[in-house]
Amino acid sequence: MDFKIVWTLRSREDLREIAAFIAKDNPAALKLGDLIFDRVDSLEKFPELGRVVPERNQPNIREIVVKNYRIVYRVHQKEKFLEILRVWHGARGEPEI
């Protein structure tokens, strides 16, 4: 059974901020958004595809990296859903969760 993907309000705000920032100078914002959504969609079938977030060291808090962005998510095994917590630029250091 596929996992359901739930985007938190904060992760959706992150995406909007990233798109607005990139779109100022570069029309590639849409391509980056598509790439992020494609990678996140792959988590439906493979929820543990990402690595454990090193700063957290909790097996259910994982991340995938797309370009320079860390997509941080929490795996809810029993309930069969993933919670996308943040979309965080790697240069910003540890993701605030």
Protein backbone atom coordinates (compact mmCIF):
# COMPACT_ATOMS: atom_id res chain seq x y z
CA MET A 1 0.00 0.00 0.00
CA ASP A 2 1.31 3.43 -0.92
CA PHE A 3 1.94 6.01 1.76
CA LYS A 4 -0.10 9.20 1.69
CA ILE A 5 1.91 12.42 1.51
CA VAL A 6 0.83 15.36 3.66
CA TRP A 7 2.48 18.77 3.25
CA THR A 8 2.52 20.83 6.45
CA LEU A 9 1.63 24.50 6.30
CA ARG A 10 5.28 25.37 6.98
CA SER A 11 6.55 23.20 4.11
CA ARG A 12 4.06 24.79 1.72
CA GLU A 13 5.21 28.24 2.84
CA ASP A 14 8.82 27.15 2.27
CA LEU A 15 7.97 26.20 -1.33
CA ARG A 16 6.22 29.51 -1.97
CA GLU A 17 9.18 31.48 -0.59
CA ILE A 18 11.67 29.47 -2.65
CA ALA A 19 9.66 29.90 -5.85
CA ALA A 20 9.27 33.65 -5.28
CA PHE A 21 12.98 34.08 -4.58
CA ILE A 22 14.16 32.03 -7.57
CA ALA A 23 11.60 33.51 -9.95
CA LYS A 24 13.02 37.01 -9.38
CA ASP A 25 16.11 36.17 -11.42
CA ASN A 26 15.45 32.84 -13.04
CA PRO A 27 12.52 31.21 -14.82
CA ALA A 28 13.86 27.84 -13.63
CA ALA A 29 11.72 28.14 -10.48
CA LEU A 30 8.99 26.03 -12.09
CA LYS A 31 11.48 23.34 -13.07
CA LEU A 32 12.82 23.17 -9.52
CA GLY A 33 9.27 22.92 -8.18
CA ASP A 34 8.50 20.07 -10.57
CA LEU A 35 11.70 18.29 -9.57
CA ILE A 36 10.86 18.61 -5.87
CA PHE A 37 7.33 17.29 -6.40
CA ASP A 38 8.60 14.37 -8.51
CA ARG A 39 11.09 13.34 -5.82
CA VAL A 40 8.50 13.68 -3.06
CA ASP A 41 6.02 11.61 -5.08
CA SER A 42 8.58 8.78 -5.21
CA LEU A 43 8.30 8.56 -1.42
CA GLU A 44 4.75 7.18 -1.72
CA LYS A 45 6.19 3.80 -2.67
CA PHE A 46 9.58 4.12 -0.98
CA PRO A 47 9.06 6.10 2.27
CA GLU A 48 12.50 5.26 3.62
CA LEU A 49 14.28 6.34 0.44
CA GLY A 50 15.76 9.34 2.21
CA ARG A 51 18.49 9.29 4.79
CA VAL A 52 17.96 9.89 8.50
CA VAL A 53 18.45 13.62 9.19
CA PRO A 54 21.95 13.66 10.73
CA GLU A 55 21.18 16.45 13.20
CA ARG A 56 18.17 14.57 14.57
CA ASN A 57 19.31 10.94 14.49
CA GLN A 58 15.68 9.75 14.71
CA PRO A 59 14.81 6.94 12.28
CA ASN A 60 11.41 8.40 11.42
CA ILE A 61 12.76 11.89 10.55
CA ARG A 62 14.33 11.61 7.11
CA GLU A 63 15.33 13.80 4.19
CA ILE A 64 15.90 13.72 0.49
CA VAL A 65 18.08 16.27 -1.24
CA VAL A 66 17.02 17.99 -4.46
CA LYS A 67 19.61 20.36 -5.89
CA ASN A 68 20.59 22.40 -2.80
CA TYR A 69 17.34 21.78 -0.93
CA ARG A 70 16.73 19.37 1.91
CA ILE A 71 13.17 18.03 1.94
CA VAL A 72 12.66 16.92 5.53
CA TYR A 73 9.84 14.52 6.32
CA ARG A 74 8.48 12.34 9.11
CA VAL A 75 7.44 8.75 8.40
CA HIS A 76 4.31 7.53 10.19
CA GLN A 77 4.60 3.77 9.60
CA LYS A 78 1.44 2.63 11.40
CA GLU A 79 -0.77 5.25 9.78
CA LYS A 80 0.92 4.86 6.37
CA PHE A 81 1.60 8.53 5.71
CA LEU A 82 4.52 10.90 5.33
CA GLU A 83 4.51 14.40 6.70
CA ILE A 84 6.64 16.84 4.70
CA LEU A 85 8.01 19.13 7.40
CA ARG A 86 10.37 21.54 5.63
CA VAL A 87 11.95 22.40 2.31
CA TRP A 88 15.22 23.90 3.49
CA HIS A 89 18.20 25.29 1.58
CA GLY A 90 21.32 23.40 2.61
CA ALA A 91 23.34 26.60 3.06
CA ARG A 92 21.02 27.56 5.93
CA GLY A 93 22.44 24.82 8.14
CA GLU A 94 20.30 22.61 10.35
CA PRO A 95 16.61 22.55 9.38
CA GLU A 96 14.26 24.08 11.93
CA ILE A 97 11.59 21.50 12.59
